[in-house]
Protein backbone atom coordinates (compact mmCIF):
# COMPACT_ATOMS: atom_id res chain seq x y z
CA UNK A 1 0.00 0.00 0.00
CA UNK A 2 1.37 3.37 -1.00
CA UNK A 3 1.26 6.18 1.52
CA UNK A 4 -0.76 9.32 1.08
CA UNK A 5 0.81 12.59 0.05
CA UNK A 6 -0.13 16.21 0.60
CA UNK A 7 0.39 18.84 -2.07
CA UNK A 8 0.84 22.47 -1.03
CA UNK A 9 0.55 25.31 -3.52
CA UNK A 10 1.39 28.82 -2.33
CA UNK A 11 0.25 31.59 -4.69
CA UNK A 12 1.14 35.23 -4.25
CA UNK A 13 -1.52 36.26 -6.77
CA UNK A 14 -5.00 35.33 -5.51
CA UNK A 15 -6.22 35.63 -9.10
CA UNK A 16 -4.45 32.33 -9.82
CA UNK A 17 -6.26 30.37 -7.10
CA UNK A 18 -9.29 29.36 -9.14
CA UNK A 19 -7.10 28.15 -12.03
CA UNK A 20 -4.95 26.07 -9.65
CA UNK A 21 -8.08 24.50 -8.13
CA UNK A 22 -9.41 23.63 -11.59
CA UNK A 23 -6.10 21.96 -12.43
CA UNK A 24 -6.36 19.91 -9.23
CA UNK A 25 -9.83 18.80 -10.34
CA UNK A 26 -8.41 17.87 -13.76
CA UNK A 27 -5.97 15.61 -11.88
CA UNK A 28 -8.85 14.05 -9.92
CA UNK A 29 -7.74 15.69 -6.68
CA UNK A 30 -10.73 16.89 -4.71
CA UNK A 31 -11.33 18.28 -1.24
CA UNK A 32 -8.60 20.93 -1.35
CA UNK A 33 -8.51 23.61 1.31
CA UNK A 34 -7.60 27.24 0.62
CA UNK A 35 -6.25 29.45 3.39
CA UNK A 36 -4.98 33.01 3.53
CA UNK A 37 -1.29 33.05 4.40
CA UNK A 38 1.52 35.53 4.78
CA UNK A 39 5.20 35.14 3.97
CA UNK A 40 7.86 35.45 6.64
CA UNK A 41 9.49 38.40 4.89
CA UNK A 42 6.27 40.39 5.01
CA UNK A 43 5.76 39.67 8.70
CA UNK A 44 9.33 40.64 9.62
CA UNK A 45 9.98 43.47 7.16
CA UNK A 46 9.58 46.25 9.74
CA UNK A 47 11.32 44.49 12.62
CA UNK A 48 14.67 43.49 11.08
CA UNK A 49 17.15 45.47 9.04
CA UNK A 50 17.65 44.07 5.54
CA UNK A 51 20.00 44.93 2.73
CA UNK A 52 18.60 46.82 -0.22
CA UNK A 53 18.42 43.84 -2.61
CA UNK A 54 16.36 41.81 -0.16
CA UNK A 55 14.12 44.78 0.61
CA UNK A 56 13.31 45.12 -3.11
CA UNK A 57 12.24 41.47 -3.20
CA UNK A 58 10.09 41.99 -0.12
CA UNK A 59 8.42 44.98 -1.69
CA UNK A 60 7.31 42.74 -4.59
CA UNK A 61 5.41 40.47 -2.21
CA UNK A 62 1.71 40.91 -1.83
CA UNK A 63 0.22 41.46 1.58
CA UNK A 64 -1.28 37.98 1.66
CA UNK A 65 -0.95 34.73 -0.23
CA UNK A 66 -3.35 31.91 -0.93
CA UNK A 67 -2.17 28.49 0.21
CA UNK A 68 -3.96 25.48 -1.24
CA UNK A 69 -3.46 22.01 0.16
CA UNK A 70 -4.95 18.62 -0.54
CA UNK A 71 -4.25 15.01 0.36
CA UNK A 72 -4.30 12.04 -2.00
CA UNK A 73 -3.39 8.41 -1.59
CA UNK A 74 -2.51 8.26 -5.28
CA UNK A 75 1.02 9.64 -5.88
CA UNK A 76 0.51 9.65 -9.64
CA UNK A 77 -2.30 12.22 -9.24
CA UNK A 78 -0.04 14.42 -7.12
CA UNK A 79 2.80 14.13 -9.66
CA UNK A 80 0.43 15.06 -12.48
CA UNK A 81 -0.86 18.07 -10.51
CA UNK A 82 2.67 19.32 -9.78
CA UNK A 83 3.54 19.05 -13.47
CA UNK A 84 0.37 20.76 -14.73
CA UNK A 85 0.40 23.60 -12.19
CA UNK A 86 4.11 24.18 -12.67
CA UNK A 87 3.62 24.40 -16.45
CA UNK A 88 0.59 26.70 -16.08
CA UNK A 89 2.52 29.16 -13.91
CA UNK A 90 5.87 28.90 -15.73
CA UNK A 91 7.55 27.04 -12.88
CA UNK A 92 7.15 30.07 -10.60
CA UNK A 93 10.37 31.43 -12.13
CA UNK A 94 9.60 35.01 -11.18
CA UNK A 95 10.61 35.82 -7.58
CA UNK A 96 7.86 35.84 -4.97
CA UNK A 97 5.18 34.39 -7.27
CA UNK A 98 4.59 31.07 -5.58
CA UNK A 99 5.78 27.54 -5.01
CA UNK A 100 4.63 23.94 -4.87
CA UNK A 101 5.82 21.23 -2.52
CA UNK A 102 4.72 17.72 -1.66
CA UNK A 103 5.10 15.92 1.67
CA UNK A 104 4.30 12.38 2.77
CA UNK A 105 1.31 11.96 5.06
CA UNK A 106 2.05 9.39 7.73
CA UNK A 107 -1.28 9.61 9.53
CA UNK A 108 -4.54 11.30 8.62
CA UNK A 109 -7.69 11.33 10.71
CA UNK A 110 -10.99 12.61 9.40
CA UNK A 111 -10.54 12.03 5.69
CA UNK A 112 -13.72 9.96 5.67
CA UNK A 113 -14.62 7.30 3.15
CA UNK A 114 -14.27 9.42 0.04
CA UNK A 115 -12.21 6.82 -1.84
CA UNK A 116 -13.51 8.05 -5.18
CA UNK A 117 -12.26 11.54 -4.40
CA UNK A 118 -8.80 10.73 -3.04
């Protein structure tokens, strides 16, 4: 039995959230959660001195991000989602635009019996 995985997608442009969710659906990943989030640089920008080049990167950040996460017990669906979302958003090559990461899920409680959705 393969273990479940969680995909996390952090988007600095909330206008991209709906597109990312549609791509998850295209990969048969359902039940995603979207939360408002804030980057560390934005939180700390007034409390620590930073060099000019870092400050210019921080100024490009939006006040809040959208973080999407979902769990699937099918790694191939997660891999497909990473590929499609990465292609859609040009690999997040521009600084402070977003990122995707995947982590193993050792234990999950409360996922229910939604086998057709996971």
